[in-house]
Structure formats: structure tokens, C-alpha cells
Amino acid sequence: MVKKSSAPPSAQATWGGRFAEGPSALMLRFSESISFDARLAPFDIQGSKAHSAMLAATGLISTEERDAIHAGLDAILNEINAGKFRWEPALEDVHMNIEQALVKRVPAAAKLHTARSRNDQIATDMHLFFKDAATRLHDALTALLRVITDLAAGHVETFVPGYTHLQRAQPVSVAHHLLAYAEMFGRDRERIEAFAVRANECPLGSGAIAGTSLPVDRALVAKLLGFVDARGRPRLTANSMDAVADRDLFIEFAAACALCGVHFSRVAEDIILWNSAEFGFISLPDAFTTGSSLMPQKKNPDSLELLRGKSARLQGNLHTLLTLVKGLPLTYNRDLQEDKPPVFDSLDTTLLCLDVLRETLRGTRFNVARCAAAAADPLLLATDLADYLVRKGVPFREAHHAVGGVVALAEKNGVSLNALSIEQVRSVNAAFDADWTDIFDIKKVMRTRERPGMPGPRQTAAQLTHWKKRLV
């Protein structure tokens, strides 16, 4: 929590020379960002240490001044981490709070802002933040994927109906269904990896808009901050105007989180259905369900319902950023102060959701008998029956029509599809033979689905091996 000083507002220390008096208390309250950007303090201090090291390397400050600045920044970071630092709303933001506190301790820190602007300073802070955020999300997605694949590995031969239009369609293994989730979250992980590459560029040295006439070494700063490629070469933003005005990373990050949220919501909807009495395929862990204040028998899937709700919140953050940026001219405009709360919320919400979904799935148990009973529905193999006729030489459209006729005949007689006699099915199409009921052996049918991407046991085992290697 940000601790605020009770000291009265004074003339603004960062730009007050032009003004006869400081901002009103109302304006200070309206314009401050320290209430949310204080969380950038570790990145801001990291950037300031790299910047001061570069100033010393280029002769703009002495090595003694650099060392004093570094010692002062380390002391301030320790205070921040201990919750003892006093944040001043009158100083507006994280940058000036830290700099002004530093100047009081280290007079040489008055030189720290040489050759930089708050514009390139915040851009650098956010690039560092995004690199850290990408690592945290990548790790959380990996942890979720491990739970999904572990759960799938135990159910390669547990079968359930697959659904289209929420109608029973064809049988699939529970493992194959769960591995569909792995594909979804695997793409989320790939998006985060690609995002991290784009975040890995150093904006510091861009100044307010057009760089600086002072002899700065941008490459040195980039190396000190870890903005390097796989070969250790510095990666720098290419255009000073774009560097301070660009908010693509913010939007990309929010978009990645929003899409991940869509995946939370879709998984949650499946599991909520499976958990219902009407399906009964699974049992959810008590630790991630709640009861009713009125109905004592209830066990509600609240963690999953909240995951659906959080998905809307993540989409709202993305929309906020798109709307914020769409009409802004280059370069920096104060509107952009509002770019950070949606990004921070997207990170916090996505990380929390990943943890909740992971632990909910970790405690989920499948009712194998109930799954088997649902998967035993002969109608699930109607398509395989059409394929049976195709193998007898019947054109697929004719085979499809014939099986539709057989289904209608079973319904008319009030029996299951596989209970019809050979004479009855031959009355629909003469290509049916005595072995036609062999189609209704679900394990045998699943073993015919062994081509890439299909739910056959060998294919599923191969996919599990593939994921195990990816998640090392």
C-alpha cells in the first residue's frame, strides 16, 4: 500500500520554474499517479542506476557521484520494500518521488536527470515491467499446462461424448478433450513469448521527443538493463518519437491477457456443465466451491463462474487502452498516464485466474462410470456407421442419408440404434452386412482414429509426450 505524506503541497519541483504558484490541491489529487505507479519503483531504480552508470562512463558525472547515487538508490529501494518510504502526491509520480528523496540524501543526484525525460524514463520502466510480467505469465501458464497434461495422462481411455451445438456428436477421450485446453493455453504462452521479444528494446535516450545533444551511450544503457539479443547485442528503439508515444506493447499485453481470459471462460463453461447433476462427469474440489445460504445441499462452482466473470474484466481493460490511444497525436500526451492501471490490473487478474484454474483442475476428479455410460450412447457412432458403408463402396452422401434413415427407424421403433435387426437396416440400404454392429465397440472405434490430431490412444500418448518435452 502506498503511504502518503501529510505535508502540504508545495511548488512543483520538476517543472515549477515557469510558474508563479503550484497546482491546487484538487489538481494534485486529479493528476497524481503515485497511487498506482509506485509499483514501478524497482524498475525505475534499475533504470536510474543504469542511466547514472552511463553518465559516469561518458564523463557527464564522476565515478564518485555515480557511486553515491547508486548507494542512495539502494537505500531507497530497501525502504520501499520495507514499507517505510513516504510517498508525496505533490510530486505526482514514482520518478519524482524517488528522485527528490534521493537529492535530499545525495546532492549529486541533482545531476541524475541529465539527458533524460520522464517520457523516456517511464517508457523504459514499462519495458522492464513488461519483460518481468511476461516471465511471470509464462511461468504461470507453464504450471497450468503441467496440471492439465497430468490430468489428461490419467484418462487416455476414459471416454465422453464430444459436443457440437451442445448436442452429443462423437466420442472423444477425456485426455483428448483436456489436451484441447493445452493447445489453447499453449498458444497463450507463445503469444507471451513473442510479446517478450518486442518488449526487449530500450527506449532510454529518446528524451522527451528528440533525444539529447549530450554524449549519451544508449547501447551501454541497453546492455546494463538486459535489453540485448541472444548474442548479447543491444536492442534499441529506432525512433525517439515513436519510443515515447508508442503504446502497442500495452495493447498487445492487454490483448494477450484478454484472449487468455476467453480461454478461462470457455474451459470454465465446459467444467460447469460437466459438474452439473445432468452430466455428472466430474466432482470439483471443496476448496474451490461454495454453498448456498438457503439450500444446504448446494455445491456451487464459484471459482469457475468467477473465471467467466474475470474474462469480461480483461476484455474491458483492452477496450480502455484501444480507446485511450486511438485519437492521440504524436508524441506524449497526459492522457497516457491512464495507460498503466488497465495493464497492471490485467497482469494481476490473469495471474490470479491462472492460479485458481490450476488448483481447481488439480483437485478435479472424473466419475469414470458416469463418463462411460454417456459415451456408450450408440448414436455417437452414427458417423462411424456411415464410414462403414463408405468402406463397402457406398458414396458418402448416400451413406449419410442411409444412416439417417436407420436412426429414424430406431426412433420409430423405440429402440437404440444398435438394437435393430440386420433385416431392418438392410431395408434401408442393402450394403449393411452382419458385421454392422461391430461399429459399436467404442474402444475399437477409437483405435481407428490414429492419424495426426485425432483422439486415438497412440496419438494421445504421443501428444502427452510432446507436451512433457515442451514443459520441461
Protein backbone atom coordinates (compact mmCIF):
# COMPACT_ATOMS: atom_id res chain seq x y z
CA MET A 1 0.00 0.00 0.00
CA VAL A 2 1.28 3.49 -0.87
CA LYS A 3 1.92 5.60 2.24
CA LYS A 4 1.11 9.26 1.67
CA SER A 5 2.73 12.15 3.46
CA SER A 6 0.59 14.71 5.29
CA ALA A 7 2.90 17.53 4.20
CA PRO A 8 1.14 20.39 2.39
CA PRO A 9 1.67 20.64 -1.39
CA SER A 10 4.49 22.91 -2.48
CA ALA A 11 5.54 24.37 -5.80
CA GLN A 12 6.11 21.52 -8.24
CA ALA A 13 9.76 20.53 -8.03
CA THR A 14 10.11 19.10 -11.52
CA TRP A 15 8.76 21.87 -13.68
CA GLY A 16 7.82 24.69 -11.28
CA GLY A 17 10.30 27.28 -12.52
CA ARG A 18 7.87 28.50 -15.18
CA PHE A 19 5.01 29.02 -12.70
CA ALA A 20 4.27 31.63 -10.05
CA GLU A 21 2.43 29.17 -7.84
CA GLY A 22 1.99 25.42 -7.53
CA PRO A 23 -1.06 23.39 -8.58
CA SER A 24 -4.20 23.48 -6.48
CA ALA A 25 -4.86 20.63 -4.07
CA LEU A 26 -7.68 19.49 -6.36
CA MET A 27 -5.38 19.43 -9.39
CA LEU A 28 -2.78 17.48 -7.43
CA ARG A 29 -5.37 14.90 -6.45
CA PHE A 30 -6.64 14.74 -10.02
CA SER A 31 -3.25 14.44 -11.70
CA GLU A 32 -1.20 12.26 -9.36
CA SER A 33 -0.25 8.78 -10.50
CA ILE A 34 1.76 7.66 -7.49
CA SER A 35 -1.29 5.79 -6.17
CA PHE A 36 -0.76 3.23 -8.92
CA ASP A 37 2.69 3.72 -10.45
CA ALA A 38 4.53 3.24 -7.14
CA ARG A 39 4.72 -0.43 -8.11
CA LEU A 40 7.20 0.57 -10.81
CA ALA A 41 9.76 1.67 -8.20
CA PRO A 42 12.11 -1.35 -8.62
CA PHE A 43 12.19 -0.83 -12.39
CA ASP A 44 12.61 2.94 -12.05
CA ILE A 45 15.56 2.47 -9.70
CA GLN A 46 17.07 -0.14 -12.00
CA GLY A 47 16.81 2.32 -14.91
CA SER A 48 18.27 5.18 -12.87
CA LYS A 49 21.28 3.09 -11.86
CA ALA A 50 21.95 2.17 -15.49
CA HIS A 51 21.49 5.79 -16.56
CA SER A 52 23.89 7.13 -13.90
CA ALA A 53 26.43 4.44 -14.79
CA MET A 54 26.25 5.63 -18.39
CA LEU A 55 26.58 9.29 -17.34
CA ALA A 56 29.76 8.37 -15.47
CA ALA A 57 31.11 6.33 -18.40
CA THR A 58 30.64 9.30 -20.74
CA GLY A 59 32.11 11.83 -18.30
CA LEU A 60 28.87 13.68 -17.55
CA ILE A 61 29.20 12.81 -13.84
CA SER A 62 32.11 11.48 -11.82
CA THR A 63 32.50 7.91 -10.64
CA GLU A 64 32.22 9.15 -7.06
CA GLU A 65 28.91 10.82 -7.87
CA ARG A 66 27.75 7.63 -9.57
CA ASP A 67 28.62 5.51 -6.55
CA ALA A 68 26.86 7.89 -4.17
CA ILE A 69 23.76 7.88 -6.39
CA HIS A 70 23.74 4.08 -6.50
CA ALA A 71 24.10 3.79 -2.74
CA GLY A 72 21.27 6.24 -2.25
CA LEU A 73 19.01 4.40 -4.71
CA ASP A 74 19.72 1.09 -2.98
CA ALA A 75 18.79 2.60 0.38
CA ILE A 76 15.54 3.99 -1.02
CA LEU A 77 14.64 0.63 -2.56
CA ASN A 78 15.22 -1.04 0.80
CA GLU A 79 12.87 1.47 2.42
CA ILE A 80 10.25 0.89 -0.25
CA ASN A 81 10.46 -2.87 0.15
CA ALA A 82 10.13 -2.47 3.93
CA GLY A 83 7.08 -0.22 3.53
CA LYS A 84 8.86 2.74 5.17
CA PHE A 85 9.17 5.11 2.21
CA ARG A 86 6.94 8.20 2.32
CA TRP A 87 5.25 8.89 -1.00
CA GLU A 88 4.40 12.54 -1.78
CA PRO A 89 1.36 13.03 -4.05
CA ALA A 90 2.56 16.59 -4.69
CA LEU A 91 5.47 15.08 -6.62
CA GLU A 92 2.98 13.36 -8.92
CA ASP A 93 4.68 10.11 -9.83
CA VAL A 94 7.13 7.38 -8.91
CA HIS A 95 10.00 9.02 -10.78
CA MET A 96 9.98 12.33 -8.96
CA ASN A 97 9.23 10.82 -5.58
CA ILE A 98 12.35 8.72 -5.82
CA GLU A 99 14.50 11.47 -7.36
CA GLN A 100 13.53 14.11 -4.80
CA ALA A 101 14.10 11.71 -1.90
CA LEU A 102 17.48 10.87 -3.42
CA VAL A 103 18.52 14.52 -3.84
CA LYS A 104 17.88 15.14 -0.13
CA ARG A 105 20.37 12.37 0.71
CA VAL A 106 22.82 12.70 -2.17
CA PRO A 107 23.31 16.25 -3.52
CA ALA A 108 24.98 14.88 -6.65
CA ALA A 109 21.64 13.26 -7.55
CA ALA A 110 20.58 16.65 -8.89
CA LYS A 111 22.56 15.58 -11.97
CA LEU A 112 20.70 12.27 -12.35
CA HIS A 113 18.09 13.64 -14.75
CA THR A 114 20.79 14.83 -17.15
CA ALA A 115 19.98 13.72 -20.73
CA ARG A 116 16.67 12.09 -19.95
CA SER A 117 12.99 12.99 -19.71
CA ARG A 118 10.18 11.47 -17.74
CA ASN A 119 8.88 10.43 -21.16
CA ASP A 120 11.73 8.06 -21.97
CA GLN A 121 12.08 7.20 -18.27
CA ILE A 122 8.53 5.84 -17.99
CA ALA A 123 8.84 4.11 -21.36
CA THR A 124 11.93 2.31 -20.04
CA ASP A 125 10.24 1.46 -16.74
CA MET A 126 7.34 -0.08 -18.63
CA HIS A 127 9.56 -2.08 -20.97
CA LEU A 128 11.27 -3.52 -17.89
CA PHE A 129 7.88 -4.14 -16.28
CA PHE A 130 6.61 -5.92 -19.37
CA LYS A 131 9.66 -8.18 -19.56
CA ASP A 132 9.11 -9.16 -15.93
CA ALA A 133 5.36 -9.57 -16.46
CA ALA A 134 5.96 -11.82 -19.46
CA THR A 135 8.22 -14.07 -17.40
CA ARG A 136 5.63 -14.32 -14.62
CA LEU A 137 2.81 -15.12 -17.03
CA HIS A 138 4.92 -17.64 -18.91
CA ASP A 139 5.72 -19.44 -15.66
CA ALA A 140 2.07 -19.43 -14.55
CA LEU A 141 0.88 -20.76 -17.91
CA THR A 142 3.51 -23.48 -17.77
CA ALA A 143 2.33 -24.52 -14.30
CA LEU A 144 -1.28 -24.68 -15.54
CA LEU A 145 -0.27 -26.72 -18.59
CA ARG A 146 1.51 -29.23 -16.37
CA VAL A 147 -1.65 -29.79 -14.34
CA ILE A 148 -3.78 -30.14 -17.48
CA THR A 149 -1.43 -32.67 -19.07
CA ASP A 150 -1.04 -34.62 -15.82
CA LEU A 151 -4.83 -34.86 -15.55
CA ALA A 152 -5.06 -35.90 -19.20
CA ALA A 153 -2.44 -38.64 -18.76
CA GLY A 154 -4.74 -40.43 -16.33
CA HIS A 155 -7.69 -40.52 -18.72
CA VAL A 156 -6.44 -41.67 -22.12
CA GLU A 157 -9.12 -44.40 -22.17
CA THR A 158 -11.87 -42.54 -20.31
CA PHE A 159 -14.40 -41.58 -22.96
CA VAL A 160 -17.09 -38.90 -23.01
CA PRO A 161 -19.39 -37.52 -25.67
CA GLY A 162 -17.94 -34.64 -27.62
CA TYR A 163 -20.46 -31.91 -28.37
CA THR A 164 -21.37 -29.59 -31.21
CA HIS A 165 -24.23 -27.14 -30.68
CA LEU A 166 -24.34 -28.62 -27.14
CA GLN A 167 -25.70 -31.79 -28.75
CA ARG A 168 -23.92 -35.13 -28.47
CA ALA A 169 -21.75 -35.53 -31.54
CA GLN A 170 -18.91 -38.09 -31.46
CA PRO A 171 -16.97 -39.79 -28.65
CA VAL A 172 -13.60 -38.47 -27.55
CA SER A 173 -11.30 -39.38 -24.72
CA VAL A 174 -11.15 -37.12 -21.68
CA ALA A 175 -7.43 -36.81 -22.41
CA HIS A 176 -8.10 -35.52 -25.93
CA HIS A 177 -10.60 -33.00 -24.58
CA LEU A 178 -8.17 -31.77 -21.92
CA LEU A 179 -5.38 -31.55 -24.46
CA ALA A 180 -7.58 -29.16 -26.45
CA TYR A 181 -7.23 -26.84 -23.45
CA ALA A 182 -3.48 -27.41 -23.54
CA GLU A 183 -3.43 -26.19 -27.14
CA MET A 184 -5.35 -23.05 -26.16
CA PHE A 185 -3.10 -22.15 -23.27
CA GLY A 186 -0.06 -23.21 -25.29
CA ARG A 187 -0.94 -20.52 -27.82
CA ASP A 188 -1.30 -18.04 -24.96
CA ARG A 189 2.20 -18.96 -23.85
CA GLU A 190 3.53 -18.48 -27.40
CA ARG A 191 1.88 -15.05 -27.57
CA ILE A 192 3.59 -14.07 -24.33
CA GLU A 193 6.93 -15.31 -25.67
CA ALA A 194 6.53 -13.23 -28.84
CA PHE A 195 5.44 -10.23 -26.77
CA ALA A 196 8.56 -10.54 -24.60
CA VAL A 197 10.73 -10.23 -27.70
CA ARG A 198 9.03 -6.97 -28.68
CA ALA A 199 9.31 -5.64 -25.13
CA ASN A 200 13.06 -6.28 -25.22
CA GLU A 201 14.02 -2.85 -26.61
CA CYS A 202 15.48 0.05 -24.64
CA PRO A 203 13.81 3.47 -25.08
CA LEU A 204 16.14 5.36 -22.71
CA GLY A 205 18.00 8.10 -24.56
CA SER A 206 14.95 9.13 -26.58
CA GLY A 207 14.40 12.11 -24.29
CA ALA A 208 11.10 13.93 -24.38
CA ILE A 209 10.74 13.64 -28.15
CA ALA A 210 14.02 14.20 -29.99
CA GLY A 211 16.80 12.69 -27.93
CA THR A 212 19.59 14.88 -26.49
CA SER A 213 22.63 16.85 -27.64
CA LEU A 214 24.68 15.38 -24.77
CA PRO A 215 27.07 12.48 -25.49
CA VAL A 216 24.97 9.61 -24.18
CA ASP A 217 25.71 5.93 -24.85
CA ARG A 218 22.37 4.25 -25.45
CA ALA A 219 23.95 0.90 -26.22
CA LEU A 220 25.67 0.81 -22.83
CA VAL A 221 22.39 1.53 -21.03
CA ALA A 222 20.65 -1.21 -23.02
CA LYS A 223 23.32 -3.73 -22.06
CA LEU A 224 23.21 -2.75 -18.39
CA LEU A 225 19.42 -3.20 -18.34
CA GLY A 226 19.44 -6.50 -20.21
CA PHE A 227 17.91 -5.20 -23.44
CA VAL A 228 20.05 -7.49 -25.57
CA ASP A 229 19.52 -10.20 -28.17
CA ALA A 230 20.62 -13.82 -27.92
CA ARG A 231 24.16 -12.83 -28.90
CA GLY A 232 24.36 -10.07 -26.29
CA ARG A 233 23.95 -7.22 -28.76
CA PRO A 234 21.99 -4.18 -27.51
CA ARG A 235 18.43 -3.72 -28.75
CA LEU A 236 17.37 -0.08 -29.01
CA THR A 237 14.18 1.65 -30.09
CA ALA A 238 14.76 3.11 -33.54
CA ASN A 239 12.77 6.36 -33.43
CA SER A 240 12.70 8.77 -30.49
CA MET A 241 9.16 10.00 -31.22
CA ASP A 242 7.75 6.50 -31.50
CA ALA A 243 9.65 5.37 -28.41
CA VAL A 244 7.85 7.80 -26.12
CA ALA A 245 4.45 7.75 -27.85
CA ASP A 246 4.06 4.07 -28.70
CA ARG A 247 1.59 2.09 -26.62
CA ASP A 248 1.44 -1.02 -28.79
CA LEU A 249 3.04 -3.08 -26.03
CA PHE A 250 0.30 -2.04 -23.61
CA ILE A 251 -2.38 -3.05 -26.08
CA GLU A 252 -0.66 -6.29 -27.06
CA PHE A 253 -0.24 -7.23 -23.42
CA ALA A 254 -3.87 -6.49 -22.60
CA ALA A 255 -4.95 -8.37 -25.73
CA ALA A 256 -2.91 -11.43 -24.75
CA CYS A 257 -4.46 -11.34 -21.27
CA ALA A 258 -7.95 -10.83 -22.69
CA LEU A 259 -7.62 -13.81 -25.03
CA CYS A 260 -6.26 -15.90 -22.19
CA GLY A 261 -9.37 -14.80 -20.28
CA VAL A 262 -11.58 -16.01 -23.11
CA HIS A 263 -9.90 -19.39 -22.71
CA PHE A 264 -10.55 -19.33 -18.96
CA SER A 265 -14.19 -18.69 -19.71
CA ARG A 266 -14.57 -21.46 -22.28
CA VAL A 267 -12.85 -24.03 -20.07
CA ALA A 268 -14.95 -22.90 -17.12
CA GLU A 269 -18.17 -23.34 -19.10
CA ASP A 270 -17.28 -26.91 -20.04
CA ILE A 271 -16.40 -27.82 -16.48
CA ILE A 272 -19.51 -26.16 -15.05
CA LEU A 273 -21.61 -28.31 -17.40
CA TRP A 274 -19.65 -31.47 -16.59
CA ASN A 275 -20.09 -30.76 -12.88
CA SER A 276 -23.88 -30.42 -13.11
CA ALA A 277 -26.14 -33.26 -11.95
CA GLU A 278 -27.37 -33.62 -15.53
CA PHE A 279 -23.86 -34.51 -16.73
CA GLY A 280 -22.15 -35.74 -13.55
CA PHE A 281 -18.82 -36.34 -15.30
CA ILE A 282 -16.70 -34.70 -12.59
CA SER A 283 -16.52 -33.72 -8.96
CA LEU A 284 -14.95 -30.37 -8.06
CA PRO A 285 -12.74 -29.82 -5.01
CA ASP A 286 -14.47 -28.41 -1.94
CA ALA A 287 -11.75 -25.77 -1.62
CA PHE A 288 -12.86 -24.10 -4.86
CA THR A 289 -16.63 -24.37 -4.49
CA THR A 290 -19.14 -22.69 -2.18
CA GLY A 291 -22.53 -23.46 -0.71
CA SER A 292 -25.86 -21.69 -0.59
CA SER A 293 -27.08 -19.52 2.28
CA LEU A 294 -30.52 -21.10 1.88
CA MET A 295 -30.17 -24.52 0.22
CA PRO A 296 -27.94 -26.83 2.28
CA GLN A 297 -27.43 -29.38 -0.50
CA LYS A 298 -25.78 -26.94 -2.92
CA LYS A 299 -22.13 -27.11 -4.03
CA ASN A 300 -21.65 -24.27 -6.45
CA PRO A 301 -18.76 -24.00 -8.96
CA ASP A 302 -17.97 -20.43 -7.91
CA SER A 303 -14.29 -20.45 -8.91
CA LEU A 304 -15.30 -21.27 -12.47
CA GLU A 305 -18.15 -18.79 -12.58
CA LEU A 306 -15.77 -16.07 -11.36
CA LEU A 307 -13.30 -17.07 -14.07
CA ARG A 308 -16.03 -16.39 -16.62
CA GLY A 309 -16.66 -13.02 -14.99
CA LYS A 310 -13.00 -12.04 -14.87
CA SER A 311 -12.83 -12.68 -18.61
CA ALA A 312 -15.14 -9.68 -19.15
CA ARG A 313 -12.92 -7.53 -16.95
CA LEU A 314 -9.85 -8.41 -19.01
CA GLN A 315 -11.67 -7.53 -22.22
CA GLY A 316 -12.67 -4.20 -20.67
CA ASN A 317 -9.03 -3.37 -19.95
CA LEU A 318 -8.15 -3.97 -23.59
CA HIS A 319 -11.00 -1.77 -24.78
CA THR A 320 -9.91 1.01 -22.40
CA LEU A 321 -6.42 1.06 -23.92
CA LEU A 322 -7.61 0.96 -27.51
CA THR A 323 -9.95 3.88 -26.88
CA LEU A 324 -7.32 5.81 -24.92
CA VAL A 325 -4.79 5.75 -27.76
CA LYS A 326 -6.90 5.91 -30.89
CA GLY A 327 -7.15 9.71 -31.22
CA LEU A 328 -3.81 10.87 -29.81
CA PRO A 329 -1.30 12.80 -31.95
CA LEU A 330 2.41 12.16 -31.53
CA THR A 331 4.11 12.22 -29.18
CA TYR A 332 3.38 12.19 -25.44
CA ASN A 333 0.04 13.42 -24.12
CA ARG A 334 -1.06 13.36 -20.50
CA ASP A 335 -3.92 11.04 -21.40
CA LEU A 336 -1.28 8.31 -21.48
CA GLN A 337 -0.97 8.43 -17.70
CA GLU A 338 -4.14 6.32 -17.74
CA ASP A 339 -2.43 3.52 -19.65
CA LYS A 340 -0.97 1.82 -16.58
CA PRO A 341 -3.97 0.88 -14.38
CA PRO A 342 -5.54 -1.38 -17.06
CA VAL A 343 -2.19 -3.07 -17.70
CA PHE A 344 -1.49 -3.62 -14.01
CA ASP A 345 -4.99 -4.98 -13.49
CA SER A 346 -4.66 -7.29 -16.50
CA LEU A 347 -1.46 -8.77 -15.10
CA ASP A 348 -2.81 -9.20 -11.57
CA THR A 349 -6.13 -10.61 -12.73
CA THR A 350 -4.61 -13.03 -15.24
CA LEU A 351 -2.06 -14.35 -12.75
CA LEU A 352 -4.77 -14.87 -10.13
CA CYS A 353 -7.04 -16.61 -12.64
CA LEU A 354 -4.24 -18.91 -13.78
CA ASP A 355 -3.59 -19.91 -10.17
CA VAL A 356 -7.28 -20.53 -9.46
CA LEU A 357 -7.89 -22.56 -12.62
CA ARG A 358 -4.75 -24.61 -11.99
CA GLU A 359 -5.75 -25.52 -8.44
CA THR A 360 -9.38 -26.16 -9.38
CA LEU A 361 -8.27 -28.60 -12.07
CA ARG A 362 -5.69 -30.16 -9.76
CA GLY A 363 -8.48 -31.13 -7.37
CA THR A 364 -10.99 -32.24 -10.02
CA ARG A 365 -11.95 -35.92 -10.12
CA PHE A 366 -13.67 -37.71 -13.01
CA ASN A 367 -16.63 -40.04 -12.47
CA VAL A 368 -15.38 -42.71 -14.86
CA ALA A 369 -18.55 -44.81 -14.68
CA ARG A 370 -20.77 -41.82 -15.49
CA CYS A 371 -18.50 -40.83 -18.37
CA ALA A 372 -18.59 -44.39 -19.74
CA ALA A 373 -22.38 -44.54 -19.55
CA ALA A 374 -22.70 -41.31 -21.55
CA ALA A 375 -20.09 -42.41 -24.09
CA ALA A 376 -21.94 -45.71 -24.61
CA ASP A 377 -24.74 -43.92 -26.48
CA PRO A 378 -24.80 -45.70 -29.88
CA LEU A 379 -25.84 -42.50 -31.65
CA LEU A 380 -22.35 -41.13 -31.01
CA LEU A 381 -21.09 -43.64 -33.59
CA ALA A 382 -23.55 -42.76 -36.34
CA THR A 383 -20.77 -41.13 -38.37
CA ASP A 384 -18.65 -44.26 -37.98
CA LEU A 385 -21.62 -46.24 -39.29
CA ALA A 386 -21.66 -44.04 -42.37
CA ASP A 387 -17.91 -44.66 -42.75
CA TYR A 388 -18.65 -48.40 -42.52
CA LEU A 389 -20.91 -48.08 -45.57
CA VAL A 390 -18.26 -45.99 -47.37
CA ARG A 391 -15.81 -48.86 -46.91
CA LYS A 392 -18.46 -51.07 -48.55
CA GLY A 393 -18.33 -48.83 -51.61
CA VAL A 394 -21.32 -46.61 -50.85
CA PRO A 395 -20.81 -42.91 -51.75
CA PHE A 396 -20.62 -40.82 -48.55
CA ARG A 397 -23.71 -38.71 -49.30
CA GLU A 398 -25.73 -41.87 -49.85
CA ALA A 399 -24.21 -43.46 -46.75
CA HIS A 400 -25.04 -40.37 -44.69
CA HIS A 401 -28.63 -40.48 -45.89
CA ALA A 402 -28.89 -44.23 -45.18
CA VAL A 403 -27.64 -43.88 -41.60
CA GLY A 404 -30.09 -41.03 -41.07
CA GLY A 405 -32.82 -43.42 -42.18
CA VAL A 406 -31.56 -46.09 -39.77
CA VAL A 407 -31.58 -43.57 -36.91
CA ALA A 408 -35.14 -42.59 -37.78
CA LEU A 409 -36.11 -46.28 -37.86
CA ALA A 410 -34.66 -46.85 -34.38
CA GLU A 411 -36.54 -43.83 -33.05
CA LYS A 412 -39.78 -45.04 -34.64
CA ASN A 413 -39.38 -48.46 -33.02
CA GLY A 414 -38.31 -47.00 -29.67
CA VAL A 415 -35.02 -48.93 -29.55
CA SER A 416 -31.36 -47.98 -29.51
CA LEU A 417 -29.58 -47.75 -32.83
CA ASN A 418 -27.59 -50.95 -32.38
CA ALA A 419 -30.70 -52.95 -31.37
CA LEU A 420 -32.15 -53.01 -34.89
CA SER A 421 -32.05 -56.29 -36.75
CA ILE A 422 -29.99 -56.89 -39.87
CA GLU A 423 -33.21 -57.18 -41.86
CA GLN A 424 -34.36 -53.78 -40.65
CA VAL A 425 -31.14 -51.97 -41.56
CA ARG A 426 -30.93 -53.76 -44.93
CA SER A 427 -34.39 -52.45 -45.68
CA VAL A 428 -32.78 -49.00 -45.63
CA ASN A 429 -29.60 -49.92 -47.53
CA ALA A 430 -28.61 -53.32 -48.85
CA ALA A 431 -24.89 -52.67 -48.19
CA PHE A 432 -25.33 -53.37 -44.49
CA ASP A 433 -23.82 -56.72 -43.54
CA ALA A 434 -23.95 -58.95 -40.46
CA ASP A 435 -20.86 -57.26 -39.00
CA TRP A 436 -22.52 -53.84 -38.89
CA THR A 437 -22.88 -53.87 -35.09
CA ASP A 438 -19.11 -54.24 -34.67
CA ILE A 439 -19.05 -50.47 -35.16
CA PHE A 440 -20.48 -50.01 -31.66
CA ASP A 441 -17.32 -51.16 -29.87
CA ILE A 442 -16.07 -47.74 -28.73
CA LYS A 443 -12.52 -48.83 -27.90
CA LYS A 444 -12.14 -50.42 -31.32
CA VAL A 445 -13.53 -47.31 -32.99
CA MET A 446 -11.16 -45.05 -31.08
CA ARG A 447 -8.23 -47.14 -32.26
CA THR A 448 -9.17 -46.23 -35.84
CA ARG A 449 -8.51 -42.56 -35.04
CA GLU A 450 -4.73 -42.71 -35.06
CA ARG A 451 -3.89 -40.04 -37.60
CA PRO A 452 -2.32 -36.72 -36.54
CA GLY A 453 -4.59 -34.59 -34.39
CA MET A 454 -7.09 -37.37 -33.72
CA PRO A 455 -8.08 -38.85 -30.32
CA GLY A 456 -6.74 -42.38 -30.81
CA PRO A 457 -4.81 -43.76 -27.81
CA ARG A 458 -1.43 -43.79 -29.59
CA GLN A 459 -1.92 -40.27 -30.93
CA THR A 460 -2.94 -39.08 -27.47
CA ALA A 461 0.08 -40.74 -25.88
CA ALA A 462 2.30 -39.05 -28.48
CA GLN A 463 0.73 -35.69 -27.70
CA LEU A 464 1.33 -36.20 -23.99
CA THR A 465 4.98 -36.98 -24.71
CA HIS A 466 5.19 -33.87 -26.89
CA TRP A 467 3.78 -31.69 -24.09
CA LYS A 468 6.03 -33.24 -21.49
CA LYS A 469 9.05 -32.18 -23.57
CA ARG A 470 7.66 -28.68 -24.12
CA LEU A 471 7.03 -28.14 -20.43
CA VAL A 472 10.47 -29.10 -19.12
